[in-house]
Each structure stands twice: as C-alpha cells, then as structure tokens.
C-alpha cells in the first residue's frame, strides 16, 4: 500500500465521534449519538481501505445498516471530492 493510501485510511479509521457528528451537521445529515457510537465502534473493529472496491463497499454497507440509507449516501457524498485520489 502506498504511503498516501495509508495516511488516508488511517485518518478515516481514527475519526472521532465529535468529528463524525460535525461532518454530519456540515452535510445536513441527522445523526444520533447512538448511531455515531455504533459507526465508530464498527470502524474500530474493521480494516478500512478506501482504495479497495471490496473494502469500500463493506464500509458503505455498514454505514447503511448502522446509519440508514440516506446517511450512507451522504457518506459517499463526503468522499466525492476525493474520488480522483481514490481512482473511483
């Protein structure tokens, strides 16, 4: 894995609850404390690799299951500005 990929993945992997709540607010997504806790817990127990289609799909599926369909779509929107880096 390239060093830049590691940095990006580590940053996503280590997002805090406060940061997640802030991003949700920024993107006008209703996110409860419980949902944020569950998603942060999922991140803590799973390897994130945004540069792997399989792992990215796993992340989006977990987001949809924990946060809901609309919120998972918002997660994809959050990543959209970085798609050229992810080669999506």
Protein backbone atom coordinates (compact mmCIF):
# COMPACT_ATOMS: atom_id res chain seq x y z
CA UNK A 1 0.00 0.00 0.00
CA UNK A 2 1.29 3.44 -0.89
CA UNK A 3 2.13 5.83 1.97
CA UNK A 4 -0.61 8.29 0.93
CA UNK A 5 -3.16 5.46 0.96
CA UNK A 6 -2.09 4.50 4.47
CA UNK A 7 -2.47 8.09 5.70
CA UNK A 8 -5.94 8.46 4.18
CA UNK A 9 -7.13 5.11 5.52
CA UNK A 10 -5.70 5.78 8.99
CA UNK A 11 -7.45 9.15 9.07
CA UNK A 12 -10.81 7.58 8.24
CA UNK A 13 -10.17 4.74 10.66
CA UNK A 14 -9.42 7.14 13.50
CA UNK A 15 -12.26 9.64 13.08
CA UNK A 16 -13.68 10.65 16.43
CA UNK A 17 -17.31 10.79 17.39
CA UNK A 18 -17.12 14.59 17.61
CA UNK A 19 -15.64 14.80 14.09
CA UNK A 20 -18.28 12.44 12.73
CA UNK A 21 -21.05 14.49 14.32
CA UNK A 22 -19.50 17.70 12.93
CA UNK A 23 -19.33 16.25 9.41
CA UNK A 24 -22.91 15.04 9.67
CA UNK A 25 -24.01 18.53 10.65
CA UNK A 26 -21.97 20.05 7.80
CA UNK A 27 -23.68 17.77 5.28
CA UNK A 28 -27.10 18.27 6.93
CA UNK A 29 -27.44 14.64 7.97
CA UNK A 30 -29.43 13.76 11.06
CA UNK A 31 -27.12 11.55 13.09
CA UNK A 32 -27.92 10.37 16.59
CA UNK A 33 -25.34 9.88 19.31
CA UNK A 34 -26.16 6.15 19.28
CA UNK A 35 -25.60 5.87 15.52
CA UNK A 36 -22.31 7.73 15.80
CA UNK A 37 -21.19 5.41 18.61
CA UNK A 38 -22.13 2.32 16.60
CA UNK A 39 -20.34 3.54 13.48
CA UNK A 40 -17.20 4.50 15.43
CA UNK A 41 -17.27 1.04 17.05
CA UNK A 42 -17.59 -0.58 13.61
CA UNK A 43 -14.59 1.41 12.38
CA UNK A 44 -12.58 0.31 15.41
CA UNK A 45 -13.24 -3.35 14.60
CA UNK A 46 -12.82 -3.36 10.82
CA UNK A 47 -9.97 -2.52 8.50
CA UNK A 48 -10.76 0.49 6.34
CA UNK A 49 -9.28 0.66 2.85
CA UNK A 50 -10.93 3.29 0.68
CA UNK A 51 -8.68 2.27 -2.21
CA UNK A 52 -10.12 -1.23 -2.32
CA UNK A 53 -13.50 -1.54 -4.01
CA UNK A 54 -14.36 -4.53 -1.81
CA UNK A 55 -13.48 -2.75 1.46
CA UNK A 56 -15.16 0.48 0.33
CA UNK A 57 -18.35 -1.47 -0.43
CA UNK A 58 -18.11 -3.09 3.01
CA UNK A 59 -17.81 0.37 4.59
CA UNK A 60 -20.83 1.72 2.70
CA UNK A 61 -22.90 -1.36 3.56
CA UNK A 62 -22.04 -0.98 7.24
CA UNK A 63 -22.90 2.72 7.06
CA UNK A 64 -26.27 1.89 5.51
CA UNK A 65 -27.01 -0.77 8.14
CA UNK A 66 -25.98 1.43 11.07
CA UNK A 67 -26.85 4.91 9.89
CA UNK A 68 -29.53 4.37 7.27
CA UNK A 69 -29.77 4.67 3.51
CA UNK A 70 -29.84 8.48 3.37
CA UNK A 71 -26.90 8.80 5.73
CA UNK A 72 -24.85 6.23 3.81
CA UNK A 73 -25.49 8.23 0.64
CA UNK A 74 -24.22 11.31 2.49
CA UNK A 75 -21.03 9.41 3.36
CA UNK A 76 -20.50 8.78 -0.33
CA UNK A 77 -21.10 12.49 -0.99
CA UNK A 78 -18.46 13.35 1.62
CA UNK A 79 -15.95 11.23 -0.27
CA UNK A 80 -16.91 12.52 -3.72
CA UNK A 81 -14.38 15.43 -3.69
CA UNK A 82 -11.62 12.86 -3.17
CA UNK A 83 -12.69 10.40 -5.86
CA UNK A 84 -9.82 11.31 -8.14
CA UNK A 85 -7.43 10.27 -5.34
CA UNK A 86 -9.32 7.04 -4.80
CA UNK A 87 -9.49 6.38 -8.54
CA UNK A 88 -13.23 5.74 -8.34
